[in-house]
Amino acid sequence: MANKLSKEMKKSMEALIKKCQNYNIDPFGYGFYARAYQYPLYKEAQADWGKELSRAHFDVEVDLRIGSTGAVE
């Protein structure tokens, strides 16, 4: 069950990232991370950050662990 849920979650996350890349937006805050840790490179791409982010490749890894199962109210 966890394996199947992990695959579906990975597929959903990849679709969400692709959708954000199509709209050239950064709702996840990767720009803040890039500015904090790679400022010289970010400074060059700052004006077109959405476009630069849309060219990026993301590797999504899901580590799903089911703590317990049972009835849900």
PDB file of N, CA and C in Angstrom:
ATOM      1  N   MET A   1       0.823  -1.183   0.000  1.00  0.00           N
ATOM      2  CA  MET A   1       0.000   0.000   0.000  1.00  0.00           C
ATOM      3  C   MET A   1       0.880   1.264   0.000  1.00  0.00           C
ATOM      4  N   ALA A   2       1.916   1.266   0.819  1.00  0.00           N
ATOM      5  CA  ALA A   2       2.787   2.438   0.893  1.00  0.00           C
ATOM      6  C   ALA A   2       3.495   2.672  -0.435  1.00  0.00           C
ATOM      7  N   ASN A   3       3.882   1.605  -1.102  1.00  0.00           N
ATOM      8  CA  ASN A   3       4.571   1.732  -2.380  1.00  0.00           C
ATOM      9  C   ASN A   3       3.662   2.374  -3.427  1.00  0.00           C
ATOM     10  N   LYS A   4       2.430   1.936  -3.478  1.00  0.00           N
ATOM     11  CA  LYS A   4       1.480   2.493  -4.447  1.00  0.00           C
ATOM     12  C   LYS A   4       1.187   3.964  -4.138  1.00  0.00           C
ATOM     13  N   LEU A   5       1.008   4.279  -2.868  1.00  0.00           N
ATOM     14  CA  LEU A   5       0.771   5.670  -2.482  1.00  0.00           C
ATOM     15  C   LEU A   5       1.984   6.541  -2.797  1.00  0.00           C
ATOM     16  N   SER A   6       3.177   6.015  -2.603  1.00  0.00           N
ATOM     17  CA  SER A   6       4.401   6.766  -2.908  1.00  0.00           C
ATOM     18  C   SER A   6       4.484   7.100  -4.390  1.00  0.00           C
ATOM     19  N   LYS A   7       4.151   6.134  -5.224  1.00  0.00           N
ATOM     20  CA  LYS A   7       4.189   6.372  -6.671  1.00  0.00           C
ATOM     21  C   LYS A   7       3.176   7.435  -7.086  1.00  0.00           C
ATOM     22  N   GLU A   8       1.968   7.365  -6.512  1.00  0.00           N
ATOM     23  CA  GLU A   8       0.945   8.355  -6.847  1.00  0.00           C
ATOM     24  C   GLU A   8       1.333   9.744  -6.352  1.00  0.00           C
ATOM     25  N   MET A   9       1.902   9.809  -5.152  1.00  0.00           N
ATOM     26  CA  MET A   9       2.319  11.101  -4.612  1.00  0.00           C
ATOM     27  C   MET A   9       3.445  11.695  -5.444  1.00  0.00           C
ATOM     28  N   LYS A  10       4.392  10.864  -5.864  1.00  0.00           N
ATOM     29  CA  LYS A  10       5.490  11.340  -6.703  1.00  0.00           C
ATOM     30  C   LYS A  10       4.958  11.890  -8.014  1.00  0.00           C
ATOM     31  N   LYS A  11       4.000  11.173  -8.604  1.00  0.00           N
ATOM     32  CA  LYS A  11       3.417  11.622  -9.870  1.00  0.00           C
ATOM     33  C   LYS A  11       2.696  12.958  -9.689  1.00  0.00           C
ATOM     34  N   SER A  12       1.978  13.113  -8.582  1.00  0.00           N
ATOM     35  CA  SER A  12       1.261  14.360  -8.310  1.00  0.00           C
ATOM     36  C   SER A  12       2.215  15.524  -8.081  1.00  0.00           C
ATOM     37  N   MET A  13       3.295  15.275  -7.346  1.00  0.00           N
ATOM     38  CA  MET A  13       4.266  16.336  -7.075  1.00  0.00           C
ATOM     39  C   MET A  13       4.985  16.765  -8.348  1.00  0.00           C
ATOM     40  N   GLU A  14       5.324  15.809  -9.197  1.00  0.00           N
ATOM     41  CA  GLU A  14       5.971  16.151 -10.463  1.00  0.00           C
ATOM     42  C   GLU A  14       5.038  16.963 -11.350  1.00  0.00           C
ATOM     43  N   ALA A  15       3.748  16.615 -11.346  1.00  0.00           N
ATOM     44  CA  ALA A  15       2.774  17.369 -12.141  1.00  0.00           C
ATOM     45  C   ALA A  15       2.630  18.789 -11.613  1.00  0.00           C
ATOM     46  N   LEU A  16       2.645  18.959 -10.292  1.00  0.00           N
ATOM     47  CA  LEU A  16       2.539  20.288  -9.704  1.00  0.00           C
ATOM     48  C   LEU A  16       3.754  21.142 -10.048  1.00  0.00           C
ATOM     49  N   ILE A  17       4.934  20.562  -9.960  1.00  0.00           N
ATOM     50  CA  ILE A  17       6.154  21.298 -10.302  1.00  0.00           C
ATOM     51  C   ILE A  17       6.140  21.691 -11.774  1.00  0.00           C
ATOM     52  N   LYS A  18       5.721  20.777 -12.636  1.00  0.00           N
ATOM     53  CA  LYS A  18       5.656  21.067 -14.075  1.00  0.00           C
ATOM     54  C   LYS A  18       4.667  22.196 -14.360  1.00  0.00           C
ATOM     55  N   LYS A  19       3.534  22.182 -13.658  1.00  0.00           N
ATOM     56  CA  LYS A  19       2.526  23.236 -13.846  1.00  0.00           C
ATOM     57  C   LYS A  19       3.094  24.596 -13.432  1.00  0.00           C
ATOM     58  N   CYS A  20       3.814  24.639 -12.320  1.00  0.00           N
ATOM     59  CA  CYS A  20       4.427  25.892 -11.878  1.00  0.00           C
ATOM     60  C   CYS A  20       5.483  26.357 -12.873  1.00  0.00           C
ATOM     61  N   GLN A  21       6.228  25.415 -13.441  1.00  0.00           N
ATOM     62  CA  GLN A  21       7.230  25.777 -14.439  1.00  0.00           C
ATOM     63  C   GLN A  21       6.572  26.321 -15.695  1.00  0.00           C
ATOM     64  N   ASN A  22       5.433  25.790 -16.078  1.00  0.00           N
ATOM     65  CA  ASN A  22       4.729  26.294 -17.263  1.00  0.00           C
ATOM     66  C   ASN A  22       4.275  27.736 -17.078  1.00  0.00           C
ATOM     67  N   TYR A  23       3.917  28.100 -15.838  1.00  0.00           N
ATOM     68  CA  TYR A  23       3.466  29.463 -15.557  1.00  0.00           C
ATOM     69  C   TYR A  23       4.610  30.384 -15.136  1.00  0.00           C
ATOM     70  N   ASN A  24       5.836  29.861 -15.082  1.00  0.00           N
ATOM     71  CA  ASN A  24       7.029  30.637 -14.693  1.00  0.00           C
ATOM     72  C   ASN A  24       6.873  31.288 -13.323  1.00  0.00           C
ATOM     73  N   ILE A  25       6.379  30.512 -12.348  1.00  0.00           N
ATOM     74  CA  ILE A  25       6.220  31.017 -10.989  1.00  0.00           C
ATOM     75  C   ILE A  25       7.036  30.156 -10.025  1.00  0.00           C
ATOM     76  N   ASP A  26       7.271  30.695  -8.833  1.00  0.00           N
ATOM     77  CA  ASP A  26       8.060  30.005  -7.813  1.00  0.00           C
ATOM     78  C   ASP A  26       7.318  30.032  -6.471  1.00  0.00           C
ATOM     79  N   PRO A  27       6.244  29.262  -6.328  1.00  0.00           N
ATOM     80  CA  PRO A  27       5.517  29.277  -5.056  1.00  0.00           C
ATOM     81  C   PRO A  27       6.224  28.507  -3.953  1.00  0.00           C
ATOM     82  N   PHE A  28       7.260  27.755  -4.278  1.00  0.00           N
ATOM     83  CA  PHE A  28       7.957  26.929  -3.297  1.00  0.00           C
ATOM     84  C   PHE A  28       9.099  27.676  -2.610  1.00  0.00           C
ATOM     85  N   GLY A  29       9.504  28.810  -3.132  1.00  0.00           N
ATOM     86  CA  GLY A  29      10.548  29.604  -2.512  1.00  0.00           C
ATOM     87  C   GLY A  29      11.963  29.199  -2.872  1.00  0.00           C
ATOM     88  N   TYR A  30      12.146  28.585  -4.035  1.00  0.00           N
ATOM     89  CA  TYR A  30      13.491  28.208  -4.456  1.00  0.00           C
ATOM     90  C   TYR A  30      14.357  29.446  -4.688  1.00  0.00           C
ATOM     91  N   GLY A  31      13.740  30.553  -5.024  1.00  0.00           N
ATOM     92  CA  GLY A  31      14.487  31.796  -5.225  1.00  0.00           C
ATOM     93  C   GLY A  31      15.127  32.277  -3.934  1.00  0.00           C
ATOM     94  N   PHE A  32      14.410  32.141  -2.804  1.00  0.00           N
ATOM     95  CA  PHE A  32      14.974  32.526  -1.511  1.00  0.00           C
ATOM     96  C   PHE A  32      16.175  31.644  -1.168  1.00  0.00           C
ATOM     97  N   TYR A  33      16.055  30.352  -1.457  1.00  0.00           N
ATOM     98  CA  TYR A  33      17.143  29.423  -1.199  1.00  0.00           C
ATOM     99  C   TYR A  33      18.351  29.753  -2.078  1.00  0.00           C
ATOM    100  N   ALA A  34      18.091  30.003  -3.350  1.00  0.00           N
ATOM    101  CA  ALA A  34      19.181  30.333  -4.274  1.00  0.00           C
ATOM    102  C   ALA A  34      19.860  31.639  -3.878  1.00  0.00           C
ATOM    103  N   ARG A  35      19.062  32.617  -3.457  1.00  0.00           N
ATOM    104  CA  ARG A  35      19.643  33.902  -3.052  1.00  0.00           C
ATOM    105  C   ARG A  35      20.495  33.748  -1.796  1.00  0.00           C
ATOM    106  N   ALA A  36      20.078  32.878  -0.890  1.00  0.00           N
ATOM    107  CA  ALA A  36      20.814  32.703   0.359  1.00  0.00           C
ATOM    108  C   ALA A  36      22.109  31.917   0.174  1.00  0.00           C
ATOM    109  N   TYR A  37      22.099  30.913  -0.691  1.00  0.00           N
ATOM    110  CA  TYR A  37      23.241  30.011  -0.775  1.00  0.00           C
ATOM    111  C   TYR A  37      24.076  30.146  -2.045  1.00  0.00           C
ATOM    112  N   GLN A  38      23.516  30.741  -3.097  1.00  0.00           N
ATOM    113  CA  GLN A  38      24.250  30.908  -4.358  1.00  0.00           C
ATOM    114  C   GLN A  38      24.015  32.315  -4.906  1.00  0.00           C
ATOM    115  N   TYR A  39      24.291  33.321  -4.088  1.00  0.00           N
ATOM    116  CA  TYR A  39      23.934  34.685  -4.461  1.00  0.00           C
ATOM    117  C   TYR A  39      24.532  35.173  -5.779  1.00  0.00           C
ATOM    118  N   PRO A  40      25.799  34.949  -6.070  1.00  0.00           N
ATOM    119  CA  PRO A  40      26.333  35.461  -7.346  1.00  0.00           C
ATOM    120  C   PRO A  40      25.597  34.885  -8.562  1.00  0.00           C
ATOM    121  N   LEU A  41      25.292  33.607  -8.517  1.00  0.00           N
ATOM    122  CA  LEU A  41      24.553  32.998  -9.632  1.00  0.00           C
ATOM    123  C   LEU A  41      23.108  33.476  -9.669  1.00  0.00           C
ATOM    124  N   TYR A  42      22.515  33.639  -8.494  1.00  0.00           N
ATOM    125  CA  TYR A  42      21.132  34.120  -8.437  1.00  0.00           C
ATOM    126  C   TYR A  42      21.031  35.546  -8.960  1.00  0.00           C
ATOM    127  N   LYS A  43      22.019  36.365  -8.640  1.00  0.00           N
ATOM    128  CA  LYS A  43      22.016  37.775  -9.056  1.00  0.00           C
ATOM    129  C   LYS A  43      21.932  37.895 -10.580  1.00  0.00           C
ATOM    130  N   GLU A  44      22.627  37.000 -11.294  1.00  0.00           N
ATOM    131  CA  GLU A  44      22.594  37.015 -12.757  1.00  0.00           C
ATOM    132  C   GLU A  44      21.211  36.651 -13.296  1.00  0.00           C
ATOM    133  N   ALA A  45      20.516  35.751 -12.626  1.00  0.00           N
ATOM    134  CA  ALA A  45      19.227  35.248 -13.110  1.00  0.00           C
ATOM    135  C   ALA A  45      18.030  35.891 -12.421  1.00  0.00           C
ATOM    136  N   GLN A  46      18.266  36.841 -11.559  1.00  0.00           N
ATOM    137  CA  GLN A  46      17.198  37.418 -10.748  1.00  0.00           C
ATOM    138  C   GLN A  46      16.063  38.023 -11.576  1.00  0.00           C
ATOM    139  N   ALA A  47      16.390  38.736 -12.629  1.00  0.00           N
ATOM    140  CA  ALA A  47      15.364  39.404 -13.427  1.00  0.00           C
ATOM    141  C   ALA A  47      14.450  38.410 -14.131  1.00  0.00           C
ATOM    142  N   ASP A  48      14.987  37.275 -14.542  1.00  0.00           N
ATOM    143  CA  ASP A  48      14.203  36.258 -15.239  1.00  0.00           C
ATOM    144  C   ASP A  48      14.132  34.967 -14.422  1.00  0.00           C
ATOM    145  N   TRP A  49      13.902  35.073 -13.122  1.00  0.00           N
ATOM    146  CA  TRP A  49      13.947  33.901 -12.255  1.00  0.00           C
ATOM    147  C   TRP A  49      12.899  32.858 -12.649  1.00  0.00           C
ATOM    148  N   GLY A  50      11.703  33.293 -12.980  1.00  0.00           N
ATOM    149  CA  GLY A  50      10.656  32.350 -13.374  1.00  0.00           C
ATOM    150  C   GLY A  50      11.040  31.559 -14.612  1.00  0.00           C
ATOM    151  N   LYS A  51      11.637  32.236 -15.577  1.00  0.00           N
ATOM    152  CA  LYS A  51      12.065  31.570 -16.802  1.00  0.00           C
ATOM    153  C   LYS A  51      13.216  30.592 -16.521  1.00  0.00           C
ATOM    154  N   GLU A  52      14.154  31.014 -15.685  1.00  0.00           N
ATOM    155  CA  GLU A  52      15.264  30.137 -15.329  1.00  0.00           C
ATOM    156  C   GLU A  52      14.770  28.912 -14.562  1.00  0.00           C
ATOM    157  N   LEU A  53      13.814  29.116 -13.690  1.00  0.00           N
ATOM    158  CA  LEU A  53      13.257  28.001 -12.928  1.00  0.00           C
ATOM    159  C   LEU A  53      12.504  27.039 -13.838  1.00  0.00           C
ATOM    160  N   SER A  54      11.888  27.553 -14.878  1.00  0.00           N
ATOM    161  CA  SER A  54      11.151  26.687 -15.796  1.00  0.00           C
ATOM    162  C   SER A  54      12.090  25.786 -16.599  1.00  0.00           C
ATOM    163  N   ARG A  55      13.361  26.161 -16.704  1.00  0.00           N
ATOM    164  CA  ARG A  55      14.344  25.334 -17.413  1.00  0.00           C
ATOM    165  C   ARG A  55      14.981  24.288 -16.506  1.00  0.00           C
ATOM    166  N   ALA A  56      14.758  24.393 -15.207  1.00  0.00           N
ATOM    167  CA  ALA A  56      15.396  23.498 -14.243  1.00  0.00           C
ATOM    168  C   ALA A  56      14.797  22.100 -14.303  1.00  0.00           C
ATOM    169  N   HIS A  57      15.594  21.139 -13.885  1.00  0.00           N
ATOM    170  CA  HIS A  57      15.150  19.744 -13.801  1.00  0.00           C
ATOM    171  C   HIS A  57      15.081  19.362 -12.322  1.00  0.00           C
ATOM    172  N   PHE A  58      13.967  18.805 -11.912  1.00  0.00           N
ATOM    173  CA  PHE A  58      13.768  18.423 -10.523  1.00  0.00           C
ATOM    174  C   PHE A  58      13.660  16.910 -10.417  1.00  0.00           C
ATOM    175  N   ASP A  59      14.381  16.349  -9.458  1.00  0.00           N
ATOM    176  CA  ASP A  59      14.266  14.928  -9.134  1.00  0.00           C
ATOM    177  C   ASP A  59      13.443  14.819  -7.858  1.00  0.00           C
ATOM    178  N   VAL A  60      12.293  14.179  -7.958  1.00  0.00           N
ATOM    179  CA  VAL A  60      11.395  14.050  -6.818  1.00  0.00           C
ATOM    180  C   VAL A  60      11.558  12.657  -6.226  1.00  0.00           C
ATOM    181  N   GLU A  61      11.759  12.626  -4.921  1.00  0.00           N
ATOM    182  CA  GLU A  61      11.859  11.370  -4.202  1.00  0.00           C
ATOM    183  C   GLU A  61      10.866  11.395  -3.056  1.00  0.00           C
ATOM    184  N   VAL A  62      10.066  10.357  -2.930  1.00  0.00           N
ATOM    185  CA  VAL A  62       9.060  10.291  -1.877  1.00  0.00           C
ATOM    186  C   VAL A  62       9.421   9.145  -0.941  1.00  0.00           C
ATOM    187  N   ASP A  63       9.495   9.456   0.344  1.00  0.00           N
ATOM    188  CA  ASP A  63       9.733   8.455   1.376  1.00  0.00           C
ATOM    189  C   ASP A  63       8.501   8.438   2.268  1.00  0.00           C
ATOM    190  N   LEU A  64       7.571   7.572   1.955  1.00  0.00           N
ATOM    191  CA  LEU A  64       6.292   7.521   2.653  1.00  0.00           C
ATOM    192  C   LEU A  64       6.304   6.364   3.641  1.00  0.00           C
ATOM    193  N   ARG A  65       5.946   6.664   4.865  1.00  0.00           N
ATOM    194  CA  ARG A  65       5.845   5.621   5.888  1.00  0.00           C
ATOM    195  C   ARG A  65       4.466   5.715   6.529  1.00  0.00           C
ATOM    196  N   ILE A  66       3.790   4.620   6.584  1.00  0.00           N
ATOM    197  CA  ILE A  66       2.462   4.590   7.185  1.00  0.00           C
ATOM    198  C   ILE A  66       2.632   4.222   8.654  1.00  0.00           C
ATOM    199  N   GLY A  67       2.221   5.128   9.533  1.00  0.00           N
ATOM    200  CA  GLY A  67       2.380   4.925  10.961  1.00  0.00           C
ATOM    201  C   GLY A  67       1.386   3.923  11.522  1.00  0.00           C
ATOM    202  N   SER A  68       0.166   4.020  11.100  1.00  0.00           N
ATOM    203  CA  SER A  68      -0.857   3.083  11.576  1.00  0.00           C
ATOM    204  C   SER A  68      -2.026   3.080  10.601  1.00  0.00           C
ATOM    205  N   THR A  69      -2.793   2.058  10.663  1.00  0.00           N
ATOM    206  CA  THR A  69      -3.993   1.953   9.840  1.00  0.00           C
ATOM    207  C   THR A  69      -5.177   1.652  10.736  1.00  0.00           C
ATOM    208  N   GLY A  70      -6.324   1.901  10.237  1.00  0.00           N
ATOM    209  CA  GLY A  70      -7.528   1.625  11.011  1.00  0.00           C
ATOM    210  C   GLY A  70      -8.680   2.467  10.511  1.00  0.00           C
ATOM    211  N   ALA A  71      -9.738   2.442  11.249  1.00  0.00           N
ATOM    212  CA  ALA A  71     -10.942   3.180  10.876  1.00  0.00           C
ATOM    213  C   ALA A  71     -10.746   4.676  11.058  1.00  0.00           C
ATOM    214  N   VAL A  72     -11.341   5.424  10.181  1.00  0.00           N
ATOM    215  CA  VAL A  72     -11.292   6.882  10.231  1.00  0.00           C
ATOM    216  C   VAL A  72     -12.688   7.388  10.505  1.00  0.00           C
ATOM    217  N   GLU A  73     -12.793   8.298  11.452  1.00  0.00           N
ATOM    218  CA  GLU A  73     -14.104   8.845  11.783  1.00  0.00           C
ATOM    219  C   GLU A  73     -14.526   9.908  10.801  1.00  0.00           C
TER     220      GLU A  73
END
